[in-house]
């Protein structure tokens, strides 16, 4: 089983099409462990995290940031993923414990989890003072079709997108990843049709990854030099940041919360961690401030 998630990027079709293959099995298993995801929720969040990792791979520097929000009418509620140019990803689903019957074809009902009515919003900040936000309507909630629509509508870049997550009977991810074929500017209609037709070959991407790995999928193309990078699940929250937040509230407000609750606890949805401060912790925190 893949122990490190990776993205591999190259050029295909004589250098006219950008190709990216991702193996995100380890990333999805980390998400399952952190959020106790049911299989259908693992498939939904895993597909979204894979696509977000691809988007993050185009960010200009390690500190650039990007977030993706699926706000649909599905049983799982809102789905959010965030990442940066260092390919550090984190994500959550509002209800990670949803269980749905499989679709008629036996596959996990990701569309039922995410919803087919609503919006997909991508927000990107490359630190140049011109943050970008693009939004499109959900197509199916199956994630790949929605991202394909986003690329076409919000970025005017037709892109073939295949995403897959296979979950075993033990609840762990067996294989997960994505394939992105994006013709470069100036590509003619014939090339666009060829790329679109080729995508049908990857309709069961997770099974292909399980059998062939990312290398096997890349081998299906006449490709150029390959650039590989690691992807990790890493949250940006910390106890220190929460402490700074408490300081910004002020001593009186912090002591008021302590009087009502007996402690101050801040929950991070992205990594499912509670940062808890006792009365002693708060006293020490503000004692440092006044020292």
Protein backbone atom coordinates (compact mmCIF):
# COMPACT_ATOMS: atom_id res chain seq x y z
CA UNK A 1 0.00 0.00 0.00
CA UNK A 2 1.21 3.49 -0.88
CA UNK A 3 2.71 5.05 2.28
CA UNK A 4 3.31 8.54 0.85
CA UNK A 5 0.90 10.47 -1.34
CA UNK A 6 2.39 11.98 -4.49
CA UNK A 7 1.59 13.98 -7.58
CA UNK A 8 3.40 13.36 -10.86
CA UNK A 9 3.24 16.00 -13.61
CA UNK A 10 4.41 15.80 -17.19
CA UNK A 11 3.49 16.78 -20.75
CA UNK A 12 1.78 14.43 -23.20
CA UNK A 13 0.47 14.60 -26.77
CA UNK A 14 3.73 16.04 -28.01
CA UNK A 15 3.91 18.62 -25.24
CA UNK A 16 0.45 20.05 -26.02
CA UNK A 17 -1.33 18.68 -22.93
CA UNK A 18 -0.43 18.93 -19.26
CA UNK A 19 -0.89 15.61 -17.47
CA UNK A 20 -1.01 15.02 -13.72
CA UNK A 21 -1.42 11.68 -11.97
CA UNK A 22 -1.94 11.60 -8.21
CA UNK A 23 -1.80 8.71 -5.75
CA UNK A 24 -3.48 10.01 -2.60
CA UNK A 25 -4.10 6.73 -0.79
CA UNK A 26 -2.08 7.75 2.26
CA UNK A 27 -3.73 11.19 2.34
CA UNK A 28 -7.21 9.65 2.36
CA UNK A 29 -6.28 7.15 5.06
CA UNK A 30 -5.07 10.04 7.23
CA UNK A 31 -8.42 11.79 6.69
CA UNK A 32 -10.29 8.58 7.60
CA UNK A 33 -8.24 8.22 10.79
CA UNK A 34 -8.72 11.83 11.85
CA UNK A 35 -12.46 12.05 11.15
CA UNK A 36 -13.68 8.43 11.48
CA UNK A 37 -15.14 8.72 7.98
CA UNK A 38 -17.71 6.26 6.68
CA UNK A 39 -16.87 4.80 3.24
CA UNK A 40 -19.08 7.21 1.30
CA UNK A 41 -17.70 10.19 3.24
CA UNK A 42 -14.14 8.94 2.67
CA UNK A 43 -14.88 8.79 -1.06
CA UNK A 44 -16.35 12.31 -1.11
CA UNK A 45 -13.63 13.98 0.97
CA UNK A 46 -10.89 11.90 -0.66
CA UNK A 47 -11.89 12.91 -4.18
CA UNK A 48 -12.14 16.56 -3.16
CA UNK A 49 -8.74 16.50 -1.42
CA UNK A 50 -7.16 14.89 -4.48
CA UNK A 51 -8.49 17.60 -6.78
CA UNK A 52 -7.47 20.30 -4.33
CA UNK A 53 -3.93 18.89 -4.21
CA UNK A 54 -3.80 19.22 -7.99
CA UNK A 55 -4.93 22.85 -7.79
CA UNK A 56 -2.37 23.55 -5.05
CA UNK A 57 0.40 22.14 -7.25
CA UNK A 58 0.02 25.21 -9.48
CA UNK A 59 0.42 27.74 -6.64
CA UNK A 60 3.47 29.96 -7.05
CA UNK A 61 5.08 29.54 -3.63
CA UNK A 62 4.88 27.35 -0.54
CA UNK A 63 2.95 29.95 1.47
CA UNK A 64 0.31 30.55 -1.22
CA UNK A 65 -3.07 29.25 -0.12
CA UNK A 66 -6.15 27.73 -1.70
CA UNK A 67 -9.50 26.51 -0.41
CA UNK A 68 -12.36 24.54 -1.93
CA UNK A 69 -15.95 24.54 -0.65
CA UNK A 70 -18.74 22.23 -1.77
CA UNK A 71 -21.96 23.74 -0.49
CA UNK A 72 -24.59 21.27 -1.65
CA UNK A 73 -27.85 19.71 -0.54
CA UNK A 74 -26.41 16.27 0.19
CA UNK A 75 -26.65 14.24 3.38
CA UNK A 76 -23.05 14.97 4.37
CA UNK A 77 -23.47 18.76 4.42
CA UNK A 78 -20.72 21.19 3.52
CA UNK A 79 -17.35 19.82 2.43
CA UNK A 80 -14.26 21.99 2.77
CA UNK A 81 -10.64 21.41 1.82
CA UNK A 82 -7.71 23.80 2.20
CA UNK A 83 -4.10 23.61 1.18
CA UNK A 84 -0.97 25.54 0.26
CA UNK A 85 1.84 25.60 -2.26
CA UNK A 86 3.84 23.16 -0.14
CA UNK A 87 1.08 20.59 -0.84
CA UNK A 88 -0.02 20.47 2.79
CA UNK A 89 -3.72 19.56 2.74
CA UNK A 90 -6.49 19.40 5.31
CA UNK A 91 -10.23 18.94 5.01
CA UNK A 92 -13.52 18.00 6.63
CA UNK A 93 -17.13 17.11 5.95
CA UNK A 94 -19.88 18.60 8.13
CA UNK A 95 -21.27 15.15 8.92
CA UNK A 96 -18.47 12.57 8.49
CA UNK A 97 -20.58 9.67 9.72
CA UNK A 98 -23.29 9.62 7.04
CA UNK A 99 -24.13 6.19 5.67
CA UNK A 100 -25.94 5.82 2.35
CA UNK A 101 -26.97 2.78 0.31
CA UNK A 102 -24.87 2.23 -2.83
CA UNK A 103 -26.02 3.50 -6.20
CA UNK A 104 -27.79 1.22 -8.67
CA UNK A 105 -24.40 0.37 -10.22
CA UNK A 106 -23.01 -0.71 -6.85
CA UNK A 107 -20.71 2.29 -6.40
CA UNK A 108 -20.62 4.60 -3.38
CA UNK A 109 -23.24 7.35 -3.62
CA UNK A 110 -20.90 10.33 -3.43
CA UNK A 111 -23.46 12.51 -5.22
CA UNK A 112 -25.99 11.73 -2.51
CA UNK A 113 -23.45 12.66 0.14
CA UNK A 114 -22.41 15.97 -1.45
CA UNK A 115 -25.62 16.88 -3.31
CA UNK A 116 -26.33 17.85 -6.89
CA UNK A 117 -27.79 21.28 -6.12
CA UNK A 118 -25.52 23.97 -4.76
CA UNK A 119 -22.14 25.49 -5.56
CA UNK A 120 -18.46 24.69 -5.81
CA UNK A 121 -16.25 27.63 -4.81
CA UNK A 122 -12.47 27.83 -5.20
CA UNK A 123 -10.57 30.64 -3.47
CA UNK A 124 -6.89 31.18 -4.24
CA UNK A 125 -4.36 33.64 -2.81
CA UNK A 126 -0.86 33.72 -4.29
CA UNK A 127 0.17 36.55 -1.98
CA UNK A 128 0.26 39.13 -4.75
CA UNK A 129 -2.66 41.19 -3.45
CA UNK A 130 -5.06 39.80 -6.05
CA UNK A 131 -6.91 36.86 -4.48
CA UNK A 132 -9.12 34.93 -6.89
CA UNK A 133 -12.51 33.34 -6.23
CA UNK A 134 -14.34 31.23 -8.79
CA UNK A 135 -17.76 29.63 -8.36
CA UNK A 136 -19.84 27.26 -10.44
CA UNK A 137 -23.04 25.30 -9.89
CA UNK A 138 -22.73 21.66 -8.91
CA UNK A 139 -23.25 19.23 -11.77
CA UNK A 140 -23.68 15.94 -9.93
CA UNK A 141 -21.87 16.12 -6.58
CA UNK A 142 -19.64 13.28 -7.79
CA UNK A 143 -16.68 15.71 -7.52
CA UNK A 144 -14.86 14.95 -10.81
CA UNK A 145 -17.69 16.28 -13.01
CA UNK A 146 -18.01 19.31 -10.77
CA UNK A 147 -14.32 20.17 -11.02
CA UNK A 148 -14.40 19.68 -14.78
CA UNK A 149 -17.26 22.21 -14.93
CA UNK A 150 -15.32 24.58 -12.66
CA UNK A 151 -12.24 24.51 -14.90
CA UNK A 152 -14.34 25.26 -17.97
CA UNK A 153 -16.62 27.92 -16.49
CA UNK A 154 -14.38 29.75 -14.03
CA UNK A 155 -10.93 29.34 -15.58
CA UNK A 156 -11.89 28.80 -19.26
CA UNK A 157 -9.58 25.77 -19.35
CA UNK A 158 -11.24 22.55 -20.56
CA UNK A 159 -9.84 19.76 -18.41
CA UNK A 160 -10.37 16.02 -18.30
CA UNK A 161 -10.79 14.95 -14.68
CA UNK A 162 -10.91 11.41 -13.28
CA UNK A 163 -11.03 10.79 -9.52
CA UNK A 164 -11.42 7.60 -7.52
CA UNK A 165 -11.39 6.30 -3.96
CA UNK A 166 -11.72 2.60 -3.14
CA UNK A 167 -12.48 1.67 0.47
CA UNK A 168 -12.01 -1.85 1.83
CA UNK A 169 -14.31 -3.80 4.13
CA UNK A 170 -12.14 -2.73 7.07
CA UNK A 171 -12.91 0.93 6.36
CA UNK A 172 -9.41 1.78 5.15
CA UNK A 173 -8.64 3.21 1.74
CA UNK A 174 -7.18 0.64 -0.65
CA UNK A 175 -6.44 3.07 -3.46
CA UNK A 176 -7.20 6.72 -4.20
CA UNK A 177 -6.04 9.26 -6.72
CA UNK A 178 -6.72 11.37 -9.75
CA UNK A 179 -5.86 12.03 -13.36
CA UNK A 180 -5.96 15.50 -14.94
CA UNK A 181 -5.46 16.16 -18.65
CA UNK A 182 -5.40 19.87 -19.44
CA UNK A 183 -4.71 21.01 -23.02
CA UNK A 184 -2.41 24.02 -23.11
CA UNK A 185 -3.59 27.34 -24.61
CA UNK A 186 -3.90 27.18 -28.37
CA UNK A 187 -4.94 23.51 -28.52
CA UNK A 188 -7.20 22.82 -31.51
CA UNK A 189 -10.64 21.21 -31.42
CA UNK A 190 -9.34 17.87 -32.65
CA UNK A 191 -6.94 17.59 -29.72
CA UNK A 192 -9.71 18.53 -27.28
CA UNK A 193 -11.86 15.73 -28.70
CA UNK A 194 -9.00 13.22 -28.42
CA UNK A 195 -8.42 14.12 -24.77
CA UNK A 196 -12.13 13.89 -23.98
CA UNK A 197 -12.38 10.48 -25.65
CA UNK A 198 -9.32 9.23 -23.77
CA UNK A 199 -10.88 9.94 -20.37
CA UNK A 200 -13.32 7.03 -20.72
CA UNK A 201 -10.30 4.74 -20.27
CA UNK A 202 -10.00 5.93 -16.67
CA UNK A 203 -13.61 5.63 -15.47
CA UNK A 204 -12.50 3.17 -12.74
CA UNK A 205 -9.39 5.05 -11.71
CA UNK A 206 -9.04 3.66 -8.18
CA UNK A 207 -9.01 0.09 -9.52
CA UNK A 208 -6.34 1.07 -12.07
CA UNK A 209 -4.25 2.63 -9.30
CA UNK A 210 -4.64 -0.49 -7.18
CA UNK A 211 -3.39 -2.69 -10.03
CA UNK A 212 -0.88 -0.48 -11.81
CA UNK A 213 0.02 2.38 -9.50
CA UNK A 214 0.67 5.92 -10.72
CA UNK A 215 3.61 4.68 -12.80
CA UNK A 216 1.35 2.31 -14.71
CA UNK A 217 -1.11 5.07 -15.53
CA UNK A 218 1.67 7.36 -16.71
CA UNK A 219 3.01 4.54 -18.88
CA UNK A 220 -0.24 4.62 -20.85
CA UNK A 221 0.93 7.94 -22.33
CA UNK A 222 3.88 8.94 -24.47
CA UNK A 223 5.10 11.47 -21.93
CA UNK A 224 8.02 13.79 -21.36
CA UNK A 225 10.07 14.34 -18.21
CA UNK A 226 8.16 13.64 -14.99
CA UNK A 227 8.18 15.94 -11.96
CA UNK A 228 7.11 14.30 -8.69
CA UNK A 229 6.18 15.91 -5.37
CA UNK A 230 4.88 14.62 -2.04
CA UNK A 231 1.47 15.52 -0.61
CA UNK A 232 0.81 15.46 3.14
CA UNK A 233 -2.12 15.93 5.49
CA UNK A 234 -1.12 18.79 7.77
CA UNK A 235 -3.30 21.25 9.65
CA UNK A 236 -2.24 24.83 10.27
CA UNK A 237 -3.87 25.05 13.69
CA UNK A 238 -1.82 24.96 16.90
CA UNK A 239 -2.16 25.56 20.61
CA UNK A 240 -0.01 28.66 20.19
CA UNK A 241 -2.42 30.15 17.66
CA UNK A 242 -5.38 29.46 19.92
CA UNK A 243 -3.50 31.11 22.77
CA UNK A 244 -2.97 34.20 20.61
CA UNK A 245 -6.70 34.21 19.87
CA UNK A 246 -7.51 34.16 23.59
CA UNK A 247 -5.12 37.03 24.18
CA UNK A 248 -6.93 39.01 21.50
CA UNK A 249 -10.22 38.45 23.33
CA UNK A 250 -8.79 40.02 26.47
CA UNK A 251 -8.56 38.80 30.05
CA UNK A 252 -12.11 39.82 31.02
CA UNK A 253 -13.73 37.92 28.14
CA UNK A 254 -11.56 34.85 28.70
CA UNK A 255 -12.39 34.80 32.43
CA UNK A 256 -16.09 35.21 31.61
CA UNK A 257 -15.99 32.10 29.40
CA UNK A 258 -14.11 30.20 32.11
CA UNK A 259 -16.74 31.18 34.69
CA UNK A 260 -19.51 29.80 32.44
CA UNK A 261 -17.83 26.73 31.00
CA UNK A 262 -15.11 25.84 33.49
CA UNK A 263 -12.59 25.73 30.64
CA UNK A 264 -12.04 27.17 27.17
CA UNK A 265 -12.06 24.65 24.34
CA UNK A 266 -11.58 25.53 20.67
CA UNK A 267 -12.31 22.79 18.14
CA UNK A 268 -10.54 22.60 14.76
CA UNK A 269 -12.80 21.02 12.14
CA UNK A 270 -9.91 20.38 9.76
CA UNK A 271 -7.95 18.04 12.02
CA UNK A 272 -10.68 17.19 14.54
CA UNK A 273 -8.58 18.44 17.45
CA UNK A 274 -9.73 20.21 20.63
CA UNK A 275 -7.35 22.81 22.05
CA UNK A 276 -8.38 23.10 25.71
CA UNK A 277 -7.27 25.76 28.21
CA UNK A 278 -7.92 25.40 31.94
CA UNK A 279 -8.14 28.26 34.42
CA UNK A 280 -4.46 27.69 35.24
CA UNK A 281 -3.57 27.80 31.52
CA UNK A 282 -5.41 31.08 31.03
CA UNK A 283 -3.81 32.62 34.13
CA UNK A 284 -0.37 31.65 32.83
CA UNK A 285 -1.20 32.97 29.36
CA UNK A 286 -2.22 36.42 30.54
CA UNK A 287 0.52 36.42 33.16
CA UNK A 288 3.03 36.16 30.29
CA UNK A 289 1.33 39.04 28.55
CA UNK A 290 1.65 41.37 31.51
CA UNK A 291 5.16 40.25 32.41
